Amino acid sequence: MIIVQLKEGENIERALKKFKRKYEKTGVIKELRRRQAFMKPSVDKRKKKQHAIYVQQLQQSEE
């Protein structure tokens, strides 16, 4: 749980800014996005192989 300490008379915008900064540092959003985009290792290898073939064909066509 994220706790933001406020000083007496502190602006709410400043408190929100502190909260957002602390929330970003925890890395919750990054982890959530990474988990949503999970690919099986076999699919990942196939995709990398196809990309390598594509890049190689581009290089050959330039020559």
C-alpha atoms as a PDB file:
ATOM      1  CA  MET A   1       0.000   0.000   0.000  1.00  0.00           C
ATOM      2  CA  ILE A   2       1.333   3.413  -0.939  1.00  0.00           C
ATOM      3  CA  ILE A   3       1.214   6.079   1.742  1.00  0.00           C
ATOM      4  CA  VAL A   4       1.819   9.743   0.926  1.00  0.00           C
ATOM      5  CA  GLN A   5       2.589  12.023   3.857  1.00  0.00           C
ATOM      6  CA  LEU A   6       1.088  15.481   3.493  1.00  0.00           C
ATOM      7  CA  LYS A   7       2.370  18.593   5.188  1.00  0.00           C
ATOM      8  CA  GLU A   8       0.055  21.155   6.685  1.00  0.00           C
ATOM      9  CA  GLY A   9      -1.605  23.171   3.886  1.00  0.00           C
ATOM     10  CA  GLU A  10       0.008  21.154   1.082  1.00  0.00           C
ATOM     11  CA  ASN A  11      -1.660  21.354  -2.305  1.00  0.00           C
ATOM     12  CA  ILE A  12      -3.664  18.320  -3.501  1.00  0.00           C
ATOM     13  CA  GLU A  13      -1.967  18.450  -6.933  1.00  0.00           C
ATOM     14  CA  ARG A  14       1.420  18.105  -5.266  1.00  0.00           C
ATOM     15  CA  ALA A  15       0.166  15.137  -3.241  1.00  0.00           C
ATOM     16  CA  LEU A  16      -1.149  13.473  -6.414  1.00  0.00           C
ATOM     17  CA  LYS A  17       2.211  14.048  -8.087  1.00  0.00           C
ATOM     18  CA  LYS A  18       3.984  12.358  -5.159  1.00  0.00           C
ATOM     19  CA  PHE A  19       1.550   9.451  -5.316  1.00  0.00           C
ATOM     20  CA  LYS A  20       2.028   8.967  -9.065  1.00  0.00           C
ATOM     21  CA  ARG A  21       5.821   9.062  -8.678  1.00  0.00           C
ATOM     22  CA  LYS A  22       5.765   6.444  -5.913  1.00  0.00           C
ATOM     23  CA  TYR A  23       3.350   4.298  -7.907  1.00  0.00           C
ATOM     24  CA  GLU A  24       5.614   4.378 -10.982  1.00  0.00           C
ATOM     25  CA  LYS A  25       8.639   3.396  -8.900  1.00  0.00           C
ATOM     26  CA  THR A  26       6.887   0.238  -7.702  1.00  0.00           C
ATOM     27  CA  GLY A  27       6.674  -0.977 -11.319  1.00  0.00           C
ATOM     28  CA  VAL A  28       3.116  -2.301 -11.041  1.00  0.00           C
ATOM     29  CA  ILE A  29       2.026  -1.023 -14.447  1.00  0.00           C
ATOM     30  CA  LYS A  30       5.120  -2.385 -16.217  1.00  0.00           C
ATOM     31  CA  GLU A  31       4.623  -5.806 -14.670  1.00  0.00           C
ATOM     32  CA  LEU A  32       0.918  -5.818 -15.570  1.00  0.00           C
ATOM     33  CA  ARG A  33       1.607  -4.959 -19.209  1.00  0.00           C
ATOM     34  CA  ARG A  34       4.398  -7.542 -19.396  1.00  0.00           C
ATOM     35  CA  ARG A  35       2.088 -10.251 -18.081  1.00  0.00           C
ATOM     36  CA  GLN A  36      -0.737  -9.323 -20.454  1.00  0.00           C
ATOM     37  CA  ALA A  37       1.580  -9.662 -23.419  1.00  0.00           C
ATOM     38  CA  PHE A  38       2.901 -13.107 -22.439  1.00  0.00           C
ATOM     39  CA  MET A  39       4.036 -15.271 -25.331  1.00  0.00           C
ATOM     40  CA  LYS A  40       4.896 -18.917 -25.145  1.00  0.00           C
ATOM     41  CA  PRO A  41       8.625 -19.540 -25.631  1.00  0.00           C
ATOM     42  CA  SER A  42       7.968 -21.527 -28.830  1.00  0.00           C
ATOM     43  CA  VAL A  43       5.927 -18.675 -30.312  1.00  0.00           C
ATOM     44  CA  ASP A  44       8.593 -16.169 -29.288  1.00  0.00           C
ATOM     45  CA  LYS A  45      11.349 -18.217 -30.971  1.00  0.00           C
ATOM     46  CA  ARG A  46       9.278 -18.571 -34.144  1.00  0.00           C
ATOM     47  CA  LYS A  47       8.654 -14.825 -34.255  1.00  0.00           C
ATOM     48  CA  LYS A  48      12.362 -14.043 -33.786  1.00  0.00           C
ATOM     49  CA  LYS A  49      13.287 -16.528 -36.496  1.00  0.00           C
ATOM     50  CA  GLN A  50      10.797 -15.003 -38.942  1.00  0.00           C
ATOM     51  CA  HIS A  51      12.147 -11.536 -38.173  1.00  0.00           C
ATOM     52  CA  ALA A  52      15.724 -12.693 -38.774  1.00  0.00           C
ATOM     53  CA  ILE A  53      14.693 -14.181 -42.136  1.00  0.00           C
ATOM     54  CA  TYR A  54      12.949 -10.930 -43.064  1.00  0.00           C
ATOM     55  CA  VAL A  55      15.996  -8.823 -42.159  1.00  0.00           C
ATOM     56  CA  GLN A  56      18.293 -11.153 -44.093  1.00  0.00           C
ATOM     57  CA  GLN A  57      16.081 -10.906 -47.195  1.00  0.00           C
ATOM     58  CA  LEU A  58      16.128  -7.110 -46.947  1.00  0.00           C
ATOM     59  CA  GLN A  59      19.905  -7.100 -46.772  1.00  0.00           C
ATOM     60  CA  GLN A  60      20.181  -9.440 -49.755  1.00  0.00           C
ATOM     61  CA  SER A  61      17.812  -7.338 -51.837  1.00  0.00           C
ATOM     62  CA  GLU A  62      19.946  -4.229 -51.171  1.00  0.00           C
ATOM     63  CA  GLU A  63      23.042  -5.950 -52.547  1.00  0.00           C
END
